[in-house]
Amino acid sequence: MRALTDRTLVAATHNAGKLREITNLIEPFGFTIKSAHELGLVEPEETGITFEENALIKALSAATLTGLPALSDDSGICVDALDGAPGVYTADWAIQDNGQRDFVKAMQKLEDAMQEKAVCEPALRSAQFVSVLCLAWPDGEHQFFRGEISGTLIWPPRGQDGFGFDPMFQPIGHEKTFGEMTAQQKHGWKPWDKIALSHRARAFKLFAEALMLKIPRQT
């Protein structure tokens, strides 16, 4: 497995919420994060039909343009009653006529889709949040790390924290939605913790255990 020796990584995202979570997870290891937005990188078209394909497109584009290793995340919510939709098209559900994303309306759209199928009982409202991280080098070498968490979709949404569909998603075994949790509660995984909660934290745990925990933390 290729060692990650460069202390600067490009976070291949223009999503402020994702950037915050990735930065919070990776900075304890002594890495400097440069975002695709900060570097003025153009967002590549996500033409994949899987989380892995889209994650690779974003990471490889950023790595090629900057000459630095790049870490991307492709994530979404997969609703069992909707045969896994919206899945890789999660962000697309939020796009409005003006081209901007509105996740309040996206959550209503998701709820309407479930109501059309008479999905009202909590036992029928199961879903999974999925996150696939891709680490890519400028020469094209890459690795994937996939994290998932199961939960129940609640209505009406609760909480103002997080982003995306977080206020609708109540993870199994918890009384709060992701939207009601603090950043620390949701994705506050630290090195050598046995458990990570969010899908992104679980993917990052695999990433860190495979690559970064071999690197002594800088002091």
N, C-alpha and C. Protein backbone atom coordinates (compact mmCIF):
# COMPACT_ATOMS: atom_id res chain seq x y z
N MET A 1 0.85 -1.19 0.00
CA MET A 1 0.00 0.00 0.00
C MET A 1 0.89 1.24 0.00
N ARG A 2 0.60 2.15 -0.87
CA ARG A 2 1.43 3.34 -1.04
C ARG A 2 1.37 4.25 0.19
N ALA A 3 2.53 4.71 0.60
CA ALA A 3 2.59 5.59 1.77
C ALA A 3 2.17 7.00 1.40
N LEU A 4 1.53 7.66 2.34
CA LEU A 4 1.13 9.06 2.17
C LEU A 4 2.15 9.90 2.93
N THR A 5 3.12 10.46 2.22
CA THR A 5 4.21 11.18 2.87
C THR A 5 4.10 12.69 2.75
N ASP A 6 3.36 13.17 1.77
CA ASP A 6 3.19 14.61 1.61
C ASP A 6 2.25 15.14 2.69
N ARG A 7 2.67 16.23 3.35
CA ARG A 7 1.88 16.77 4.45
C ARG A 7 0.81 17.75 3.98
N THR A 8 0.70 17.98 2.68
CA THR A 8 -0.36 18.82 2.14
C THR A 8 -1.27 17.97 1.29
N LEU A 9 -2.56 18.05 1.55
CA LEU A 9 -3.57 17.32 0.79
C LEU A 9 -4.57 18.30 0.21
N VAL A 10 -5.05 18.01 -0.98
CA VAL A 10 -6.13 18.79 -1.56
C VAL A 10 -7.44 18.10 -1.21
N ALA A 11 -8.35 18.84 -0.60
CA ALA A 11 -9.70 18.35 -0.38
C ALA A 11 -10.50 18.68 -1.64
N ALA A 12 -10.78 17.64 -2.41
CA ALA A 12 -11.39 17.84 -3.73
C ALA A 12 -12.90 18.06 -3.60
N THR A 13 -13.25 19.19 -3.02
CA THR A 13 -14.67 19.52 -2.85
C THR A 13 -14.86 21.03 -2.86
N HIS A 14 -16.02 21.45 -3.34
CA HIS A 14 -16.45 22.84 -3.24
C HIS A 14 -17.58 22.97 -2.23
N ASN A 15 -17.91 21.87 -1.55
CA ASN A 15 -18.99 21.83 -0.58
C ASN A 15 -18.44 22.24 0.79
N ALA A 16 -18.93 23.36 1.31
CA ALA A 16 -18.40 23.89 2.57
C ALA A 16 -18.62 22.93 3.74
N GLY A 17 -19.76 22.23 3.75
CA GLY A 17 -20.04 21.29 4.83
C GLY A 17 -19.08 20.11 4.81
N LYS A 18 -18.86 19.56 3.64
CA LYS A 18 -17.91 18.45 3.52
C LYS A 18 -16.50 18.90 3.90
N LEU A 19 -16.13 20.09 3.45
CA LEU A 19 -14.79 20.60 3.74
C LEU A 19 -14.58 20.72 5.25
N ARG A 20 -15.57 21.22 5.97
CA ARG A 20 -15.45 21.34 7.42
C ARG A 20 -15.22 19.98 8.06
N GLU A 21 -16.00 18.99 7.63
CA GLU A 21 -15.88 17.67 8.24
C GLU A 21 -14.54 17.02 7.90
N ILE A 22 -14.11 17.12 6.65
CA ILE A 22 -12.83 16.54 6.25
C ILE A 22 -11.68 17.22 7.00
N THR A 23 -11.75 18.55 7.10
CA THR A 23 -10.70 19.28 7.80
C THR A 23 -10.65 18.90 9.27
N ASN A 24 -11.81 18.80 9.92
CA ASN A 24 -11.85 18.44 11.33
C ASN A 24 -11.27 17.05 11.57
N LEU A 25 -11.47 16.15 10.61
CA LEU A 25 -11.00 14.78 10.77
C LEU A 25 -9.51 14.64 10.51
N ILE A 26 -8.99 15.39 9.56
CA ILE A 26 -7.61 15.15 9.11
C ILE A 26 -6.58 16.05 9.78
N GLU A 27 -6.96 17.23 10.25
CA GLU A 27 -5.97 18.14 10.82
C GLU A 27 -5.28 17.61 12.06
N PRO A 28 -5.94 16.78 12.91
CA PRO A 28 -5.22 16.24 14.07
C PRO A 28 -3.98 15.44 13.71
N PHE A 29 -3.88 15.01 12.46
CA PHE A 29 -2.71 14.25 12.03
C PHE A 29 -1.58 15.17 11.56
N GLY A 30 -1.78 16.47 11.62
CA GLY A 30 -0.73 17.39 11.24
C GLY A 30 -0.66 17.70 9.76
N PHE A 31 -1.78 17.52 9.04
CA PHE A 31 -1.81 17.80 7.61
C PHE A 31 -2.37 19.19 7.35
N THR A 32 -1.90 19.79 6.26
CA THR A 32 -2.44 21.05 5.78
C THR A 32 -3.43 20.74 4.66
N ILE A 33 -4.62 21.32 4.75
CA ILE A 33 -5.67 21.07 3.77
C ILE A 33 -5.84 22.28 2.86
N LYS A 34 -5.80 22.02 1.57
CA LYS A 34 -6.12 23.03 0.56
C LYS A 34 -7.38 22.57 -0.17
N SER A 35 -8.40 23.38 -0.17
CA SER A 35 -9.65 22.96 -0.82
C SER A 35 -9.61 23.28 -2.31
N ALA A 36 -10.38 22.53 -3.07
CA ALA A 36 -10.50 22.78 -4.51
C ALA A 36 -11.02 24.19 -4.76
N HIS A 37 -11.94 24.65 -3.91
CA HIS A 37 -12.49 26.00 -4.05
C HIS A 37 -11.39 27.04 -3.81
N GLU A 38 -10.61 26.85 -2.76
CA GLU A 38 -9.53 27.78 -2.42
C GLU A 38 -8.51 27.88 -3.55
N LEU A 39 -8.25 26.76 -4.22
CA LEU A 39 -7.26 26.72 -5.29
C LEU A 39 -7.83 27.13 -6.65
N GLY A 40 -9.12 27.41 -6.68
CA GLY A 40 -9.76 27.84 -7.92
C GLY A 40 -9.93 26.75 -8.95
N LEU A 41 -10.02 25.50 -8.49
CA LEU A 41 -10.16 24.39 -9.42
C LEU A 41 -11.59 24.29 -9.94
N VAL A 42 -11.72 23.97 -11.17
CA VAL A 42 -13.03 23.79 -11.78
C VAL A 42 -13.61 22.46 -11.30
N GLU A 43 -14.89 22.47 -10.97
CA GLU A 43 -15.55 21.23 -10.56
C GLU A 43 -15.73 20.32 -11.78
N PRO A 44 -15.21 19.10 -11.73
CA PRO A 44 -15.39 18.20 -12.87
C PRO A 44 -16.83 17.69 -12.92
N GLU A 45 -17.28 17.33 -14.09
CA GLU A 45 -18.62 16.77 -14.23
C GLU A 45 -18.64 15.36 -13.65
N GLU A 46 -19.60 15.12 -12.77
CA GLU A 46 -19.70 13.82 -12.12
C GLU A 46 -20.60 12.92 -12.96
N THR A 47 -19.98 12.11 -13.79
CA THR A 47 -20.71 11.28 -14.73
C THR A 47 -20.83 9.83 -14.28
N GLY A 48 -20.30 9.51 -13.11
CA GLY A 48 -20.35 8.13 -12.63
C GLY A 48 -21.73 7.71 -12.18
N ILE A 49 -21.92 6.41 -12.09
CA ILE A 49 -23.20 5.88 -11.61
C ILE A 49 -23.03 5.18 -10.27
N THR A 50 -21.82 5.26 -9.71
CA THR A 50 -21.57 4.74 -8.36
C THR A 50 -20.84 5.81 -7.56
N PHE A 51 -20.87 5.68 -6.24
CA PHE A 51 -20.13 6.62 -5.39
C PHE A 51 -18.64 6.54 -5.70
N GLU A 52 -18.14 5.33 -5.93
CA GLU A 52 -16.72 5.15 -6.22
C GLU A 52 -16.31 5.88 -7.50
N GLU A 53 -17.12 5.75 -8.53
CA GLU A 53 -16.78 6.39 -9.80
C GLU A 53 -16.72 7.91 -9.67
N ASN A 54 -17.69 8.49 -8.99
CA ASN A 54 -17.71 9.94 -8.84
C ASN A 54 -16.59 10.43 -7.92
N ALA A 55 -16.30 9.67 -6.87
CA ALA A 55 -15.20 10.05 -5.98
C ALA A 55 -13.88 10.06 -6.73
N LEU A 56 -13.67 9.07 -7.58
CA LEU A 56 -12.44 9.01 -8.35
C LEU A 56 -12.33 10.19 -9.33
N ILE A 57 -13.42 10.52 -9.98
CA ILE A 57 -13.41 11.65 -10.92
C ILE A 57 -12.94 12.92 -10.22
N LYS A 58 -13.47 13.18 -9.03
CA LYS A 58 -13.13 14.40 -8.32
C LYS A 58 -11.70 14.39 -7.79
N ALA A 59 -11.29 13.27 -7.19
CA ALA A 59 -9.95 13.20 -6.61
C ALA A 59 -8.87 13.25 -7.69
N LEU A 60 -9.06 12.51 -8.76
CA LEU A 60 -8.05 12.46 -9.81
C LEU A 60 -7.93 13.80 -10.54
N SER A 61 -9.06 14.47 -10.73
CA SER A 61 -9.02 15.79 -11.35
C SER A 61 -8.20 16.76 -10.51
N ALA A 62 -8.45 16.79 -9.21
CA ALA A 62 -7.73 17.72 -8.33
C ALA A 62 -6.25 17.36 -8.24
N ALA A 63 -5.94 16.09 -8.16
CA ALA A 63 -4.54 15.67 -8.07
C ALA A 63 -3.78 16.02 -9.34
N THR A 64 -4.41 15.81 -10.48
CA THR A 64 -3.76 16.10 -11.77
C THR A 64 -3.51 17.59 -11.94
N LEU A 65 -4.46 18.41 -11.52
CA LEU A 65 -4.35 19.85 -11.71
C LEU A 65 -3.34 20.49 -10.75
N THR A 66 -3.16 19.90 -9.57
CA THR A 66 -2.31 20.52 -8.55
C THR A 66 -0.95 19.84 -8.37
N GLY A 67 -0.85 18.59 -8.81
CA GLY A 67 0.38 17.85 -8.57
C GLY A 67 0.51 17.35 -7.14
N LEU A 68 -0.57 17.43 -6.38
CA LEU A 68 -0.59 16.99 -4.99
C LEU A 68 -1.57 15.83 -4.83
N PRO A 69 -1.37 14.99 -3.82
CA PRO A 69 -2.39 13.98 -3.55
C PRO A 69 -3.69 14.66 -3.16
N ALA A 70 -4.81 14.09 -3.58
CA ALA A 70 -6.11 14.71 -3.34
C ALA A 70 -7.06 13.70 -2.71
N LEU A 71 -7.86 14.18 -1.80
CA LEU A 71 -8.85 13.36 -1.12
C LEU A 71 -10.24 13.89 -1.46
N SER A 72 -11.08 13.02 -1.99
CA SER A 72 -12.44 13.42 -2.33
C SER A 72 -13.43 12.59 -1.54
N ASP A 73 -14.65 13.08 -1.52
CA ASP A 73 -15.75 12.35 -0.90
C ASP A 73 -16.94 12.39 -1.85
N ASP A 74 -17.52 11.24 -2.09
CA ASP A 74 -18.81 11.22 -2.78
C ASP A 74 -19.77 10.50 -1.86
N SER A 75 -20.87 11.13 -1.56
CA SER A 75 -21.76 10.59 -0.55
C SER A 75 -23.20 10.87 -0.89
N GLY A 76 -24.08 10.18 -0.20
CA GLY A 76 -25.50 10.37 -0.44
C GLY A 76 -26.33 9.52 0.47
N ILE A 77 -27.62 9.68 0.35
CA ILE A 77 -28.55 8.92 1.16
C ILE A 77 -29.31 7.94 0.27
N CYS A 78 -29.41 6.71 0.72
CA CYS A 78 -30.06 5.64 -0.04
C CYS A 78 -31.27 5.16 0.76
N VAL A 79 -32.44 5.38 0.20
CA VAL A 79 -33.70 5.07 0.90
C VAL A 79 -34.22 3.72 0.42
N ASP A 80 -34.42 2.81 1.36
CA ASP A 80 -34.83 1.45 0.99
C ASP A 80 -36.16 1.43 0.26
N ALA A 81 -37.13 2.22 0.73
CA ALA A 81 -38.45 2.22 0.12
C ALA A 81 -38.45 2.82 -1.28
N LEU A 82 -37.38 3.54 -1.63
CA LEU A 82 -37.26 4.14 -2.95
C LEU A 82 -36.22 3.40 -3.79
N ASP A 83 -35.99 2.15 -3.44
CA ASP A 83 -35.05 1.30 -4.19
C ASP A 83 -33.65 1.91 -4.25
N GLY A 84 -33.25 2.54 -3.15
CA GLY A 84 -31.91 3.10 -3.07
C GLY A 84 -31.76 4.53 -3.52
N ALA A 85 -32.82 5.13 -4.05
CA ALA A 85 -32.76 6.54 -4.46
C ALA A 85 -32.77 7.43 -3.21
N PRO A 86 -32.25 8.64 -3.30
CA PRO A 86 -31.60 9.24 -4.46
C PRO A 86 -30.17 8.77 -4.71
N GLY A 87 -29.52 8.15 -3.72
CA GLY A 87 -28.21 7.55 -3.94
C GLY A 87 -27.18 8.53 -4.47
N VAL A 88 -26.52 8.16 -5.57
CA VAL A 88 -25.46 9.03 -6.12
C VAL A 88 -26.02 10.35 -6.65
N TYR A 89 -27.34 10.44 -6.77
CA TYR A 89 -27.96 11.67 -7.27
C TYR A 89 -28.52 12.52 -6.13
N THR A 90 -28.06 12.27 -4.91
CA THR A 90 -28.58 12.98 -3.74
C THR A 90 -28.49 14.49 -3.90
N ALA A 91 -27.34 14.99 -4.29
CA ALA A 91 -27.17 16.44 -4.43
C ALA A 91 -28.06 17.00 -5.54
N ASP A 92 -28.27 16.20 -6.58
CA ASP A 92 -29.10 16.66 -7.70
C ASP A 92 -30.54 16.93 -7.27
N TRP A 93 -31.00 16.19 -6.27
CA TRP A 93 -32.38 16.39 -5.79
C TRP A 93 -32.57 17.78 -5.20
N ALA A 94 -31.46 18.43 -4.84
CA ALA A 94 -31.56 19.74 -4.20
C ALA A 94 -31.43 20.89 -5.20
N ILE A 95 -31.08 20.60 -6.45
CA ILE A 95 -30.86 21.66 -7.43
C ILE A 95 -32.20 22.26 -7.87
N GLN A 96 -32.27 23.60 -7.78
CA GLN A 96 -33.48 24.32 -8.15
C GLN A 96 -33.34 24.92 -9.56
N ASP A 97 -34.40 25.55 -10.02
CA ASP A 97 -34.42 26.11 -11.36
C ASP A 97 -33.32 27.16 -11.57
N ASN A 98 -32.91 27.82 -10.48
CA ASN A 98 -31.88 28.85 -10.59
C ASN A 98 -30.47 28.26 -10.51
N GLY A 99 -30.38 26.93 -10.42
CA GLY A 99 -29.09 26.27 -10.37
C GLY A 99 -28.51 26.13 -8.98
N GLN A 100 -29.17 26.75 -7.98
CA GLN A 100 -28.70 26.66 -6.61
C GLN A 100 -29.30 25.43 -5.92
N ARG A 101 -28.63 25.00 -4.86
CA ARG A 101 -29.12 23.85 -4.10
C ARG A 101 -29.90 24.30 -2.88
N ASP A 102 -31.06 23.70 -2.68
CA ASP A 102 -31.92 24.01 -1.53
C ASP A 102 -32.31 22.68 -0.90
N PHE A 103 -31.65 22.34 0.22
CA PHE A 103 -31.91 21.05 0.82
C PHE A 103 -33.19 21.04 1.66
N VAL A 104 -33.72 22.20 2.00
CA VAL A 104 -35.04 22.22 2.64
C VAL A 104 -36.08 21.68 1.66
N LYS A 105 -36.00 22.16 0.43
CA LYS A 105 -36.92 21.68 -0.61
C LYS A 105 -36.60 20.24 -0.98
N ALA A 106 -35.32 19.88 -0.94
CA ALA A 106 -34.94 18.50 -1.26
C ALA A 106 -35.50 17.53 -0.23
N MET A 107 -35.49 17.92 1.03
CA MET A 107 -36.07 17.05 2.06
C MET A 107 -37.57 16.89 1.86
N GLN A 108 -38.23 17.98 1.47
CA GLN A 108 -39.67 17.89 1.19
C GLN A 108 -39.92 16.98 0.00
N LYS A 109 -39.07 17.06 -1.01
CA LYS A 109 -39.19 16.20 -2.19
C LYS A 109 -39.04 14.73 -1.80
N LEU A 110 -38.09 14.45 -0.91
CA LEU A 110 -37.88 13.08 -0.46
C LEU A 110 -39.08 12.58 0.34
N GLU A 111 -39.60 13.44 1.20
CA GLU A 111 -40.77 13.05 1.99
C GLU A 111 -41.98 12.83 1.09
N ASP A 112 -42.16 13.68 0.10
CA ASP A 112 -43.28 13.51 -0.83
C ASP A 112 -43.17 12.18 -1.58
N ALA A 113 -41.97 11.81 -1.96
CA ALA A 113 -41.77 10.55 -2.67
C ALA A 113 -42.12 9.36 -1.80
N MET A 114 -41.82 9.47 -0.51
CA MET A 114 -42.18 8.37 0.40
C MET A 114 -43.67 8.34 0.67
N GLN A 115 -44.28 9.50 0.79
CA GLN A 115 -45.72 9.56 1.02
C GLN A 115 -46.49 8.97 -0.16
N GLU A 116 -45.96 9.18 -1.36
CA GLU A 116 -46.61 8.60 -2.54
C GLU A 116 -46.63 7.08 -2.50
N LYS A 117 -45.67 6.52 -1.79
CA LYS A 117 -45.61 5.07 -1.62
C LYS A 117 -46.20 4.62 -0.29
N ALA A 118 -46.85 5.56 0.42
CA ALA A 118 -47.49 5.28 1.71
C ALA A 118 -46.49 4.74 2.72
N VAL A 119 -45.28 5.29 2.68
CA VAL A 119 -44.24 4.88 3.61
C VAL A 119 -44.32 5.78 4.83
N CYS A 120 -45.10 5.35 5.81
CA CYS A 120 -45.35 6.17 6.98
C CYS A 120 -44.79 5.57 8.27
N GLU A 121 -44.86 4.26 8.41
CA GLU A 121 -44.39 3.61 9.62
C GLU A 121 -42.87 3.69 9.73
N PRO A 122 -42.34 3.99 10.91
CA PRO A 122 -40.89 4.10 11.08
C PRO A 122 -40.13 2.87 10.57
N ALA A 123 -40.71 1.70 10.75
CA ALA A 123 -40.02 0.48 10.32
C ALA A 123 -39.83 0.42 8.82
N LEU A 124 -40.64 1.19 8.08
CA LEU A 124 -40.54 1.19 6.62
C LEU A 124 -39.69 2.33 6.08
N ARG A 125 -39.25 3.21 6.99
CA ARG A 125 -38.55 4.42 6.58
C ARG A 125 -37.03 4.32 6.79
N SER A 126 -36.51 3.14 6.55
CA SER A 126 -35.08 2.92 6.74
C SER A 126 -34.27 3.49 5.59
N ALA A 127 -33.07 3.91 5.91
CA ALA A 127 -32.17 4.50 4.90
C ALA A 127 -30.74 4.33 5.37
N GLN A 128 -29.83 4.51 4.43
CA GLN A 128 -28.42 4.47 4.75
C GLN A 128 -27.73 5.70 4.18
N PHE A 129 -26.90 6.32 4.99
CA PHE A 129 -25.99 7.33 4.49
C PHE A 129 -24.71 6.62 4.08
N VAL A 130 -24.20 6.92 2.89
CA VAL A 130 -23.00 6.29 2.35
C VAL A 130 -21.97 7.37 2.04
N SER A 131 -20.73 7.11 2.38
CA SER A 131 -19.63 7.99 2.01
C SER A 131 -18.49 7.15 1.45
N VAL A 132 -18.01 7.53 0.30
CA VAL A 132 -16.83 6.89 -0.28
C VAL A 132 -15.74 7.94 -0.43
N LEU A 133 -14.64 7.74 0.27
CA LEU A 133 -13.48 8.59 0.12
C LEU A 133 -12.56 7.99 -0.93
N CYS A 134 -11.97 8.85 -1.72
CA CYS A 134 -10.98 8.41 -2.71
C CYS A 134 -9.73 9.24 -2.52
N LEU A 135 -8.62 8.58 -2.32
CA LEU A 135 -7.32 9.24 -2.28
C LEU A 135 -6.62 8.96 -3.60
N ALA A 136 -6.27 10.01 -4.32
CA ALA A 136 -5.64 9.85 -5.63
C ALA A 136 -4.35 10.64 -5.70
N TRP A 137 -3.38 10.07 -6.41
CA TRP A 137 -2.11 10.74 -6.67
C TRP A 137 -2.09 11.24 -8.12
N PRO A 138 -1.23 12.20 -8.41
CA PRO A 138 -1.19 12.75 -9.78
C PRO A 138 -0.89 11.71 -10.85
N ASP A 139 -0.23 10.60 -10.49
CA ASP A 139 0.08 9.58 -11.49
C ASP A 139 -1.08 8.62 -11.75
N GLY A 140 -2.20 8.85 -11.07
CA GLY A 140 -3.38 8.04 -11.31
C GLY A 140 -3.63 6.94 -10.29
N GLU A 141 -2.66 6.65 -9.45
CA GLU A 141 -2.89 5.63 -8.41
C GLU A 141 -3.95 6.14 -7.44
N HIS A 142 -4.81 5.26 -6.97
CA HIS A 142 -5.89 5.69 -6.08
C HIS A 142 -6.35 4.55 -5.20
N GLN A 143 -7.02 4.92 -4.12
CA GLN A 143 -7.59 3.96 -3.18
C GLN A 143 -8.95 4.47 -2.71
N PHE A 144 -9.85 3.51 -2.40
CA PHE A 144 -11.19 3.85 -1.92
C PHE A 144 -11.37 3.40 -0.48
N PHE A 145 -12.21 4.15 0.25
CA PHE A 145 -12.58 3.81 1.62
C PHE A 145 -14.06 4.12 1.77
N ARG A 146 -14.87 3.11 2.09
CA ARG A 146 -16.33 3.25 2.10
C ARG A 146 -16.88 3.12 3.53
N GLY A 147 -17.70 4.09 3.91
CA GLY A 147 -18.37 4.05 5.21
C GLY A 147 -19.87 4.17 5.04
N GLU A 148 -20.62 3.44 5.87
CA GLU A 148 -22.08 3.47 5.81
C GLU A 148 -22.65 3.51 7.22
N ILE A 149 -23.82 4.13 7.36
CA ILE A 149 -24.56 4.08 8.61
C ILE A 149 -26.04 3.99 8.30
N SER A 150 -26.73 3.15 9.06
CA SER A 150 -28.16 2.95 8.86
C SER A 150 -28.95 3.80 9.84
N GLY A 151 -30.16 4.16 9.43
CA GLY A 151 -31.01 4.95 10.30
C GLY A 151 -32.43 5.00 9.79
N THR A 152 -33.22 5.88 10.41
CA THR A 152 -34.62 6.06 10.06
C THR A 152 -34.85 7.51 9.64
N LEU A 153 -35.66 7.70 8.61
CA LEU A 153 -35.99 9.04 8.16
C LEU A 153 -37.20 9.55 8.94
N ILE A 154 -37.04 10.69 9.59
CA ILE A 154 -38.12 11.23 10.41
C ILE A 154 -38.74 12.44 9.70
N TRP A 155 -39.97 12.77 10.09
CA TRP A 155 -40.64 13.96 9.58
C TRP A 155 -41.53 14.53 10.64
N PRO A 156 -41.51 15.84 10.87
CA PRO A 156 -40.70 16.84 10.17
C PRO A 156 -39.23 16.78 10.57
N PRO A 157 -38.37 17.40 9.76
CA PRO A 157 -36.94 17.41 10.08
C PRO A 157 -36.68 18.09 11.42
N ARG A 158 -35.58 17.69 12.07
CA ARG A 158 -35.23 18.29 13.36
C ARG A 158 -33.76 18.68 13.36
N GLY A 159 -33.49 19.90 13.80
CA GLY A 159 -32.12 20.35 13.98
C GLY A 159 -31.64 21.28 12.88
N GLN A 160 -30.71 22.15 13.26
CA GLN A 160 -30.18 23.15 12.34
C GLN A 160 -28.70 22.94 12.03
N ASP A 161 -28.11 21.91 12.60
CA ASP A 161 -26.69 21.68 12.37
C ASP A 161 -26.51 20.69 11.22
N GLY A 162 -25.24 20.40 10.91
CA GLY A 162 -24.98 19.50 9.78
C GLY A 162 -25.33 20.18 8.47
N PHE A 163 -25.62 19.38 7.46
CA PHE A 163 -25.99 19.91 6.16
C PHE A 163 -26.71 18.82 5.38
N GLY A 164 -27.23 19.19 4.20
CA GLY A 164 -27.91 18.19 3.38
C GLY A 164 -29.16 17.64 4.05
N PHE A 165 -29.28 16.32 4.05
CA PHE A 165 -30.44 15.64 4.60
C PHE A 165 -30.28 15.30 6.09
N ASP A 166 -29.26 15.86 6.75
CA ASP A 166 -28.99 15.54 8.15
C ASP A 166 -30.20 15.68 9.07
N PRO A 167 -31.03 16.75 8.93
CA PRO A 167 -32.15 16.91 9.87
C PRO A 167 -33.23 15.82 9.74
N MET A 168 -33.21 15.04 8.65
CA MET A 168 -34.19 13.96 8.48
C MET A 168 -33.68 12.62 8.98
N PHE A 169 -32.37 12.50 9.20
CA PHE A 169 -31.77 11.19 9.43
C PHE A 169 -31.45 10.96 10.90
N GLN A 170 -32.12 9.96 11.47
CA GLN A 170 -31.88 9.57 12.86
C GLN A 170 -31.18 8.22 12.88
N PRO A 171 -29.88 8.20 13.20
CA PRO A 171 -29.15 6.93 13.16
C PRO A 171 -29.67 5.94 14.19
N ILE A 172 -29.59 4.67 13.85
CA ILE A 172 -30.06 3.62 14.74
C ILE A 172 -29.34 3.70 16.09
N GLY A 173 -30.13 3.60 17.17
CA GLY A 173 -29.55 3.65 18.51
C GLY A 173 -29.40 5.04 19.08
N HIS A 174 -29.85 6.05 18.34
CA HIS A 174 -29.71 7.43 18.81
C HIS A 174 -31.06 8.12 18.78
N GLU A 175 -31.27 9.05 19.70
CA GLU A 175 -32.52 9.80 19.76
C GLU A 175 -32.45 11.09 18.94
N LYS A 176 -31.26 11.56 18.66
CA LYS A 176 -31.10 12.80 17.90
C LYS A 176 -30.88 12.49 16.42
N THR A 177 -31.32 13.43 15.58
CA THR A 177 -30.97 13.35 14.16
C THR A 177 -29.55 13.90 13.99
N PHE A 178 -28.97 13.68 12.82
CA PHE A 178 -27.67 14.28 12.54
C PHE A 178 -27.76 15.80 12.61
N GLY A 179 -28.91 16.34 12.28
CA GLY A 179 -29.09 17.78 12.31
C GLY A 179 -29.16 18.36 13.71
N GLU A 180 -29.39 17.51 14.70
CA GLU A 180 -29.45 17.94 16.09
C GLU A 180 -28.13 17.71 16.83
N MET A 181 -27.22 16.98 16.20
CA MET A 181 -25.95 16.65 16.83
C MET A 181 -24.92 17.74 16.57
N THR A 182 -24.02 17.91 17.54
CA THR A 182 -22.89 18.78 17.31
C THR A 182 -21.93 18.08 16.34
N ALA A 183 -21.02 18.86 15.79
CA ALA A 183 -20.02 18.27 14.90
C ALA A 183 -19.25 17.18 15.61
N GLN A 184 -18.93 17.40 16.88
CA GLN A 184 -18.18 16.40 17.64
C GLN A 184 -18.97 15.12 17.81
N GLN A 185 -20.26 15.25 18.08
CA GLN A 185 -21.10 14.06 18.24
C GLN A 185 -21.26 13.29 16.94
N LYS A 186 -21.37 14.01 15.84
CA LYS A 186 -21.64 13.36 14.56
C LYS A 186 -20.40 12.71 13.97
N HIS A 187 -19.32 13.46 13.85
CA HIS A 187 -18.16 12.91 13.15
C HIS A 187 -16.85 13.13 13.90
N GLY A 188 -16.96 13.25 15.22
CA GLY A 188 -15.77 13.56 16.01
C GLY A 188 -14.88 12.38 16.30
N TRP A 189 -14.58 11.58 15.29
CA TRP A 189 -13.66 10.46 15.48
C TRP A 189 -12.24 10.97 15.65
N LYS A 190 -11.53 10.37 16.59
CA LYS A 190 -10.14 10.70 16.82
C LYS A 190 -9.29 9.44 16.68
N PRO A 191 -8.00 9.62 16.41
CA PRO A 191 -7.13 8.46 16.21
C PRO A 191 -7.26 7.43 17.34
N TRP A 192 -7.39 6.21 16.92
CA TRP A 192 -7.47 5.04 17.79
C TRP A 192 -8.81 4.87 18.50
N ASP A 193 -9.78 5.74 18.25
CA ASP A 193 -11.14 5.46 18.73
C ASP A 193 -11.63 4.20 18.03
N LYS A 194 -12.30 3.33 18.76
CA LYS A 194 -12.79 2.09 18.18
C LYS A 194 -14.03 2.30 17.33
N ILE A 195 -14.80 3.35 17.64
CA ILE A 195 -16.09 3.55 16.97
C ILE A 195 -16.14 4.94 16.34
N ALA A 196 -16.69 4.99 15.13
CA ALA A 196 -17.00 6.27 14.47
C ALA A 196 -18.48 6.24 14.13
N LEU A 197 -19.15 7.38 14.24
CA LEU A 197 -20.60 7.39 14.03
C LEU A 197 -20.99 7.65 12.58
N SER A 198 -20.68 8.82 12.07
CA SER A 198 -21.19 9.17 10.75
C SER A 198 -20.55 8.33 9.65
N HIS A 199 -21.21 8.30 8.51
CA HIS A 199 -20.70 7.57 7.36
C HIS A 199 -19.34 8.10 6.93
N ARG A 200 -19.19 9.44 6.96
CA ARG A 200 -17.92 10.03 6.55
C ARG A 200 -16.82 9.71 7.56
N ALA A 201 -17.16 9.74 8.83
CA ALA A 201 -16.18 9.40 9.86
C ALA A 201 -15.77 7.93 9.77
N ARG A 202 -16.72 7.07 9.43
CA ARG A 202 -16.39 5.64 9.30
C ARG A 202 -15.48 5.40 8.10
N ALA A 203 -15.74 6.11 7.00
CA ALA A 203 -14.85 6.00 5.85
C ALA A 203 -13.47 6.55 6.19
N PHE A 204 -13.45 7.66 6.92
CA PHE A 204 -12.19 8.27 7.27
C PHE A 204 -11.40 7.38 8.23
N LYS A 205 -12.09 6.70 9.13
CA LYS A 205 -11.42 5.77 10.06
C LYS A 205 -10.66 4.70 9.27
N LEU A 206 -11.29 4.16 8.23
CA LEU A 206 -10.61 3.16 7.40
C LEU A 206 -9.41 3.78 6.69
N PHE A 207 -9.60 5.00 6.18
CA PHE A 207 -8.53 5.72 5.51
C PHE A 207 -7.35 5.94 6.46
N ALA A 208 -7.65 6.41 7.66
CA ALA A 208 -6.59 6.71 8.63
C ALA A 208 -5.87 5.46 9.08
N GLU A 209 -6.62 4.41 9.33
CA GLU A 209 -6.00 3.16 9.79
C GLU A 209 -5.12 2.54 8.71
N ALA A 210 -5.51 2.73 7.46
CA ALA A 210 -4.74 2.14 6.36
C ALA A 210 -3.49 2.95 6.02
N LEU A 211 -3.58 4.27 6.17
CA LEU A 211 -2.51 5.12 5.66
C LEU A 211 -1.87 6.02 6.70
N MET A 212 -2.69 6.73 7.46
CA MET A 212 -2.16 7.84 8.23
C MET A 212 -1.65 7.46 9.62
N LEU A 213 -2.20 6.42 10.22
CA LEU A 213 -1.75 6.06 11.55
C LEU A 213 -0.33 5.50 11.51
N LYS A 214 0.17 5.23 10.32
CA LYS A 214 1.56 4.79 10.18
C LYS A 214 2.52 5.97 10.21
N ILE A 215 1.96 7.18 10.14
CA ILE A 215 2.77 8.39 10.11
C ILE A 215 2.75 9.03 11.50
N PRO A 216 3.89 9.21 12.14
CA PRO A 216 3.89 9.85 13.47
C PRO A 216 3.27 11.23 13.42
N ARG A 217 2.46 11.53 14.39
CA ARG A 217 1.84 12.85 14.45
C ARG A 217 2.88 13.91 14.72
N GLN A 218 2.81 15.03 14.01
CA GLN A 218 3.75 16.11 14.23
C GLN A 218 3.39 16.86 15.50
N THR A 219 4.39 17.35 16.21
CA THR A 219 4.17 18.11 17.43
C THR A 219 4.79 19.49 17.29
